[in-house]
Amino acid sequence: MCLLDMLNKDVLLDIKTVTINGSIGWYTIEDDQYCIGISIHKRHITAWKRLRSESTDVVINTGMNHAQI
């Protein structure tokens, strides 16, 4: 499956002890770097904001290297 086929697909993000649902909205590829934009579903926005406010890290989950579709 290529990235173009994954646009608008639902994904689950496991961050720390929280699972957040979202969907892949966009992506860009520059050299060997992939940037993927994920829109958080409305019912998970509060949990996402809480994670962001509690974290002082620039990257919330440095070990995240995959998403479940």
C-alpha atoms as a PDB file:
ATOM      1  CA  MET A   1       0.000   0.000   0.000  1.00  0.00           C
ATOM      2  CA  CYS A   2       1.444   3.394  -0.948  1.00  0.00           C
ATOM      3  CA  LEU A   3       1.019   6.642   1.000  1.00  0.00           C
ATOM      4  CA  LEU A   4      -1.416   8.043  -1.564  1.00  0.00           C
ATOM      5  CA  ASP A   5      -3.745   5.090  -0.889  1.00  0.00           C
ATOM      6  CA  MET A   6      -3.561   5.825   2.844  1.00  0.00           C
ATOM      7  CA  LEU A   7      -4.979   9.364   2.661  1.00  0.00           C
ATOM      8  CA  ASN A   8      -8.186   9.698   4.710  1.00  0.00           C
ATOM      9  CA  LYS A   9      -7.630   6.268   6.321  1.00  0.00           C
ATOM     10  CA  ASP A  10      -8.239   5.933  10.044  1.00  0.00           C
ATOM     11  CA  VAL A  11      -5.206   5.357  12.268  1.00  0.00           C
ATOM     12  CA  LEU A  12      -4.654   4.578  15.947  1.00  0.00           C
ATOM     13  CA  LEU A  13      -1.852   6.386  17.759  1.00  0.00           C
ATOM     14  CA  ASP A  14      -0.562   4.807  20.963  1.00  0.00           C
ATOM     15  CA  ILE A  15       1.163   7.641  22.814  1.00  0.00           C
ATOM     16  CA  LYS A  16       2.447   6.908  26.287  1.00  0.00           C
ATOM     17  CA  THR A  17      -0.639   5.287  27.937  1.00  0.00           C
ATOM     18  CA  VAL A  18      -3.269   6.856  25.667  1.00  0.00           C
ATOM     19  CA  THR A  19      -4.739   5.626  22.369  1.00  0.00           C
ATOM     20  CA  ILE A  20      -5.954   8.376  20.042  1.00  0.00           C
ATOM     21  CA  ASN A  21      -7.929   7.915  16.829  1.00  0.00           C
ATOM     22  CA  GLY A  22      -7.228  10.077  13.804  1.00  0.00           C
ATOM     23  CA  SER A  23      -6.938   9.979  10.044  1.00  0.00           C
ATOM     24  CA  ILE A  24      -4.097  10.609   7.625  1.00  0.00           C
ATOM     25  CA  GLY A  25      -4.735  13.989   6.015  1.00  0.00           C
ATOM     26  CA  TRP A  26      -1.557  14.769   4.070  1.00  0.00           C
ATOM     27  CA  TYR A  27       2.055  13.811   3.541  1.00  0.00           C
ATOM     28  CA  THR A  28       5.252  15.153   2.022  1.00  0.00           C
ATOM     29  CA  ILE A  29       8.458  13.369   1.095  1.00  0.00           C
ATOM     30  CA  GLU A  30      11.801  15.160   1.038  1.00  0.00           C
ATOM     31  CA  ASP A  31      14.858  13.007   0.412  1.00  0.00           C
ATOM     32  CA  ASP A  32      14.690  10.291   3.102  1.00  0.00           C
ATOM     33  CA  GLN A  33      12.240  12.146   5.386  1.00  0.00           C
ATOM     34  CA  TYR A  34       8.502  11.485   5.409  1.00  0.00           C
ATOM     35  CA  CYS A  35       6.181  14.000   7.107  1.00  0.00           C
ATOM     36  CA  ILE A  36       2.660  12.707   7.658  1.00  0.00           C
ATOM     37  CA  GLY A  37      -0.182  14.909   8.901  1.00  0.00           C
ATOM     38  CA  ILE A  38      -2.764  13.211  11.085  1.00  0.00           C
ATOM     39  CA  SER A  39      -6.066  14.836  11.968  1.00  0.00           C
ATOM     40  CA  ILE A  40      -7.279  13.907  15.452  1.00  0.00           C
ATOM     41  CA  HIS A  41     -10.921  12.796  15.675  1.00  0.00           C
ATOM     42  CA  LYS A  42     -13.103  15.184  17.691  1.00  0.00           C
ATOM     43  CA  ARG A  43     -13.741  12.774  20.541  1.00  0.00           C
ATOM     44  CA  HIS A  44      -9.978  12.512  21.165  1.00  0.00           C
ATOM     45  CA  ILE A  45      -9.047  16.207  20.988  1.00  0.00           C
ATOM     46  CA  THR A  46      -9.256  16.640  24.776  1.00  0.00           C
ATOM     47  CA  ALA A  47      -6.851  13.711  25.335  1.00  0.00           C
ATOM     48  CA  TRP A  48      -4.498  15.104  22.674  1.00  0.00           C
ATOM     49  CA  LYS A  49      -4.494  18.568  24.268  1.00  0.00           C
ATOM     50  CA  ARG A  50      -3.835  17.013  27.679  1.00  0.00           C
ATOM     51  CA  LEU A  51      -0.868  15.042  26.294  1.00  0.00           C
ATOM     52  CA  ARG A  52       0.560  18.190  24.704  1.00  0.00           C
ATOM     53  CA  SER A  53       0.131  20.286  27.845  1.00  0.00           C
ATOM     54  CA  GLU A  54       1.738  17.647  30.081  1.00  0.00           C
ATOM     55  CA  SER A  55       4.707  17.052  27.810  1.00  0.00           C
ATOM     56  CA  THR A  56       7.753  19.293  27.714  1.00  0.00           C
ATOM     57  CA  ASP A  57       9.311  17.196  24.946  1.00  0.00           C
ATOM     58  CA  VAL A  58       9.500  18.498  21.384  1.00  0.00           C
ATOM     59  CA  VAL A  59       8.584  14.987  20.227  1.00  0.00           C
ATOM     60  CA  ILE A  60       5.943  13.278  22.350  1.00  0.00           C
ATOM     61  CA  ASN A  61       6.772   9.678  21.476  1.00  0.00           C
ATOM     62  CA  THR A  62      10.266   9.316  20.015  1.00  0.00           C
ATOM     63  CA  GLY A  63       9.831   5.555  19.693  1.00  0.00           C
ATOM     64  CA  MET A  64       6.764   5.773  17.439  1.00  0.00           C
ATOM     65  CA  ASN A  65       7.745   4.455  14.048  1.00  0.00           C
ATOM     66  CA  HIS A  66       4.493   3.035  12.744  1.00  0.00           C
ATOM     67  CA  ALA A  67       0.752   3.614  12.778  1.00  0.00           C
ATOM     68  CA  GLN A  68      -1.967   0.977  12.746  1.00  0.00           C
ATOM     69  CA  ILE A  69      -4.508   1.263   9.943  1.00  0.00           C
END
